[in-house]
Amino acid sequence: AGLREALGSRLQWSTSSSKHSSDTERLRVGFVSFDFKNHPATHILLQVFQNFDPSLVEVFVYALNSYQDTWTEKVKTAVRQYRDVSALGLRDTAELVMEDGIHILVDLMGFSVGERLSLFALKPAPVQVAYMGYPGTTGSSFIDYIICDQTACDPSTSEEQFSEKVVYLPEPYFPSPLALALETTAPVTTVSQQQIEEFRREYGLPSDGFIYCCFSQLGKLDKPTFTSWMDILTRTNGTYLWLLRTPPEAERNILKEAMKHDSGDKQFLKRIVFTDKLPREKFLRFASRACHLFLDTHLYNAHTVAAEVLQGGLPLLTLPGRTMASRVASSFLQSLGCCHQDELCARSSSDYVQKAVDLSRNLSDLLSRLRKRILDHVHKGSSLLFNPRDFAKVFSDGLHAIWQRYKRGEEPEHLYINGTVGVTSAQHTHMHSEL
């Protein structure tokens, strides 16, 4: 509070400064993160930065971490200014943001490790936004908006779940971290059966049988999800569950818990297969072909991992919850037309189990059609999940809708972005009532 008070006169000067007039409609947007390095958030954002129209958006980056690598260098070449503020105090950082004349300041951290939400408490920019790094509300009065979509952030629960107003982009609200590298998925469709069998042998996977998998960190695994997984295994024959040892101690704990679900099958525990994390090239080229169905975790979905496996054509089964963290995978599937008739979006825990069981018995038909549908979107770029160029345009539209509302002196409100149009909740409801 003392720092904000000390900065009061400068804040007032800044928000009325000519730097914030944006008469040319070119926005100065600042992004604040600890992770401008080899990190999934940077893999995603770099694609967005590279595809912004520079006549409409100028990107300023404020790095909270002094560590730099090749990904940091890529970010530097894609933005107007890269500011290492890791050694600066809050006052100096806030003054730098104001001196840069930032119109919209975007927090990419929330409550993640390395965050500096206290910077935003000083209100160094006229409009402040939360995006991507933390799938939930900041619960603060100083973040005006959160950027999401109507599937990941259900409009019917937004008032109770978010202190911020929600900017609803078309699904999904962020693209795959690999969307610009579609050449990595092109060979997937041409991987031979022999190569798949060799890959399975190398990683101790069965040579035949139906393989379920989950490549998320096992810290996301909740008890209801695990119970569902065990129910799936006990209700099917010749099926396996492939998990990663992340963290390593999880393997021992999971096998101990799995014993409680053993129905007398002497091979039951052997049907749960653990491997170390795969080299990225092998993961992208083979993992999506070596298994048949990705089983998502309930409370906290796979996010960037889900985008990656879908880009490889692997169908993913999810159970959307009420929170943003539990609805991201269904946002991806919605953009791919795979929530149609609830194909891969379950309605309940029992439905999740039943779908997984049914899909294992329908390998040659429905799963093949789902895989083909997903890969068609990948190769055509017909979903924003795999089209960073179109996504950057939509994201830019959202930023401009926010700024135009501010310029008109209007309070933050939920906004729905449709093409180049940003409409409020009331306008959105009226438009749909006329359909």
Foldseek 3Di string as FASTA:
>chain_A
DVLLVVCVVVLVCLCPDPLQPCPLQAAEEEEEDQDQEPDLVLLFVLLLLQQADNSNYAYEYEHLHPDYDVSNVSSCVSHPYYHDCNPPDLNVVLVVLSVNSHAEYEYQAQPHPSGDCVSLVSVSHPAYEYEDNDQFESPDPRHAEYEAACQLAPPVCDVVTYPHFYAHFQFGRTAASCLVVLVLQVCQVVDDLVNLQVVCVVFVHDSDAAEEEAEDQCVLADDLLLVLVLLLLVVDPRYAYEYEPRPVVVLVVSLVVSVVSDPPPPCSSVRYGYGHDDDPSCCQRHVLPNHAEYEFHAPATDANVLLSSLSNLHHYAAEADNGSRRRRSVSVCVLLVCCVVDQRYADDSVRSSVSSNVCSVVVVPPSVVSSVSSNVCQVVVSGCNNPSNVSSQQVSLSVSVVSVCVVVVHRRAHWYGDRNDTDGPVVVVVVVVVD
